Amino acid sequence: MPKRILQGVVVSDVNDKTVIVKVERRLTDPLLKKTVRRTKKYHAHDEANTAKIGDQVRIEECKPISKNKRWTLLQAEA
């Protein structure tokens, strides 16, 4: 099974080797038929501490690294 890849924005880089990425998805509300935005935050492993707040990043699913981290950083664009 292929690994999932998500794209989002870094909202926190305070922790060592960890970034928190906000991923936004758009879906249609079943009742109102209106497009709504849903966001979720993911903890991702950043080995080199390269990503900074506000960067657009791509993260990839991986085996559990810690209690909350199940994603690794693929690439970061400023």
C-alpha atoms as a PDB file:
ATOM      1  CA  MET A   1       0.000   0.000   0.000  1.00  0.00           C
ATOM      2  CA  PRO A   2       1.464   3.413  -0.929  1.00  0.00           C
ATOM      3  CA  LYS A   3       2.254   5.939   1.753  1.00  0.00           C
ATOM      4  CA  ARG A   4      -0.002   8.976   1.977  1.00  0.00           C
ATOM      5  CA  ILE A   5       1.500  12.380   1.208  1.00  0.00           C
ATOM      6  CA  LEU A   6      -0.114  15.567   2.514  1.00  0.00           C
ATOM      7  CA  GLN A   7       0.642  19.235   1.940  1.00  0.00           C
ATOM      8  CA  GLY A   8       0.273  21.919   4.591  1.00  0.00           C
ATOM      9  CA  VAL A   9       1.720  24.881   6.464  1.00  0.00           C
ATOM     10  CA  VAL A  10       4.079  24.736   9.449  1.00  0.00           C
ATOM     11  CA  VAL A  11       2.407  26.340  12.471  1.00  0.00           C
ATOM     12  CA  SER A  12       5.010  25.429  15.118  1.00  0.00           C
ATOM     13  CA  ASP A  13       8.713  24.538  15.097  1.00  0.00           C
ATOM     14  CA  VAL A  14       9.478  24.956  18.807  1.00  0.00           C
ATOM     15  CA  ASN A  15      10.287  21.302  19.546  1.00  0.00           C
ATOM     16  CA  ASP A  16      13.583  19.706  18.497  1.00  0.00           C
ATOM     17  CA  LYS A  17      13.295  17.640  15.279  1.00  0.00           C
ATOM     18  CA  THR A  18       9.511  18.091  15.234  1.00  0.00           C
ATOM     19  CA  VAL A  19       7.206  20.431  13.341  1.00  0.00           C
ATOM     20  CA  ILE A  20       3.450  20.789  13.594  1.00  0.00           C
ATOM     21  CA  VAL A  21       1.799  21.008  10.193  1.00  0.00           C
ATOM     22  CA  LYS A  22      -1.730  22.289   9.561  1.00  0.00           C
ATOM     23  CA  VAL A  23      -3.384  20.485   6.656  1.00  0.00           C
ATOM     24  CA  GLU A  24      -6.558  21.926   5.150  1.00  0.00           C
ATOM     25  CA  ARG A  25      -9.099  19.970   3.142  1.00  0.00           C
ATOM     26  CA  ARG A  26     -12.228  21.217   1.385  1.00  0.00           C
ATOM     27  CA  LEU A  27     -15.484  19.321   1.307  1.00  0.00           C
ATOM     28  CA  THR A  28     -19.127  19.946   0.529  1.00  0.00           C
ATOM     29  CA  ASP A  29     -21.518  20.205   3.457  1.00  0.00           C
ATOM     30  CA  PRO A  30     -24.168  17.499   2.977  1.00  0.00           C
ATOM     31  CA  LEU A  31     -27.077  19.675   4.136  1.00  0.00           C
ATOM     32  CA  LEU A  32     -26.175  23.163   2.917  1.00  0.00           C
ATOM     33  CA  LYS A  33     -24.315  22.076  -0.259  1.00  0.00           C
ATOM     34  CA  LYS A  34     -21.695  24.678   0.565  1.00  0.00           C
ATOM     35  CA  THR A  35     -17.925  24.181   0.406  1.00  0.00           C
ATOM     36  CA  VAL A  36     -16.399  24.201   3.889  1.00  0.00           C
ATOM     37  CA  ARG A  37     -12.796  24.000   5.070  1.00  0.00           C
ATOM     38  CA  ARG A  38     -11.649  21.445   7.629  1.00  0.00           C
ATOM     39  CA  THR A  39      -8.188  21.594   9.189  1.00  0.00           C
ATOM     40  CA  LYS A  40      -6.151  19.091  11.134  1.00  0.00           C
ATOM     41  CA  LYS A  41      -2.716  19.329  12.749  1.00  0.00           C
ATOM     42  CA  TYR A  42      -0.073  16.629  12.317  1.00  0.00           C
ATOM     43  CA  HIS A  43       3.226  16.184  14.168  1.00  0.00           C
ATOM     44  CA  ALA A  44       5.998  15.482  11.662  1.00  0.00           C
ATOM     45  CA  HIS A  45       9.636  14.445  12.101  1.00  0.00           C
ATOM     46  CA  ASP A  46      12.131  17.034  10.816  1.00  0.00           C
ATOM     47  CA  GLU A  47      15.592  15.499  11.266  1.00  0.00           C
ATOM     48  CA  ALA A  48      17.598  18.574  10.223  1.00  0.00           C
ATOM     49  CA  ASN A  49      15.299  21.235  11.753  1.00  0.00           C
ATOM     50  CA  THR A  50      14.961  22.886   8.316  1.00  0.00           C
ATOM     51  CA  ALA A  51      11.272  23.903   8.320  1.00  0.00           C
ATOM     52  CA  LYS A  52      10.244  27.216   9.871  1.00  0.00           C
ATOM     53  CA  ILE A  53       6.857  28.722  10.739  1.00  0.00           C
ATOM     54  CA  GLY A  54       4.882  29.645   7.629  1.00  0.00           C
ATOM     55  CA  ASP A  55       6.705  27.261   5.269  1.00  0.00           C
ATOM     56  CA  GLN A  56       4.707  25.167   2.804  1.00  0.00           C
ATOM     57  CA  VAL A  57       5.731  21.544   3.388  1.00  0.00           C
ATOM     58  CA  ARG A  58       4.940  18.039   2.185  1.00  0.00           C
ATOM     59  CA  ILE A  59       4.774  15.242   4.762  1.00  0.00           C
ATOM     60  CA  GLU A  60       4.745  11.478   4.251  1.00  0.00           C
ATOM     61  CA  GLU A  61       3.185   8.760   6.374  1.00  0.00           C
ATOM     62  CA  CYS A  62       5.685   6.521   8.212  1.00  0.00           C
ATOM     63  CA  LYS A  63       5.945   4.085  11.085  1.00  0.00           C
ATOM     64  CA  PRO A  64       5.416   5.570  14.592  1.00  0.00           C
ATOM     65  CA  ILE A  65       8.417   7.593  15.743  1.00  0.00           C
ATOM     66  CA  SER A  66       6.988   8.711  19.088  1.00  0.00           C
ATOM     67  CA  LYS A  67       3.640   8.968  20.846  1.00  0.00           C
ATOM     68  CA  ASN A  68       2.267  11.546  18.391  1.00  0.00           C
ATOM     69  CA  LYS A  69       4.640  11.455  15.400  1.00  0.00           C
ATOM     70  CA  ARG A  70       3.578   9.250  12.469  1.00  0.00           C
ATOM     71  CA  TRP A  71       4.728  11.547   9.633  1.00  0.00           C
ATOM     72  CA  THR A  72       8.106  12.612   8.231  1.00  0.00           C
ATOM     73  CA  LEU A  73       9.016  15.797   6.394  1.00  0.00           C
ATOM     74  CA  LEU A  74       9.596  15.286   2.659  1.00  0.00           C
ATOM     75  CA  GLN A  75      10.370  18.802   1.463  1.00  0.00           C
ATOM     76  CA  ALA A  76       9.954  22.376   2.600  1.00  0.00           C
ATOM     77  CA  GLU A  77       9.375  25.437   0.414  1.00  0.00           C
ATOM     78  CA  ALA A  78       9.810  28.873   1.948  1.00  0.00           C
END
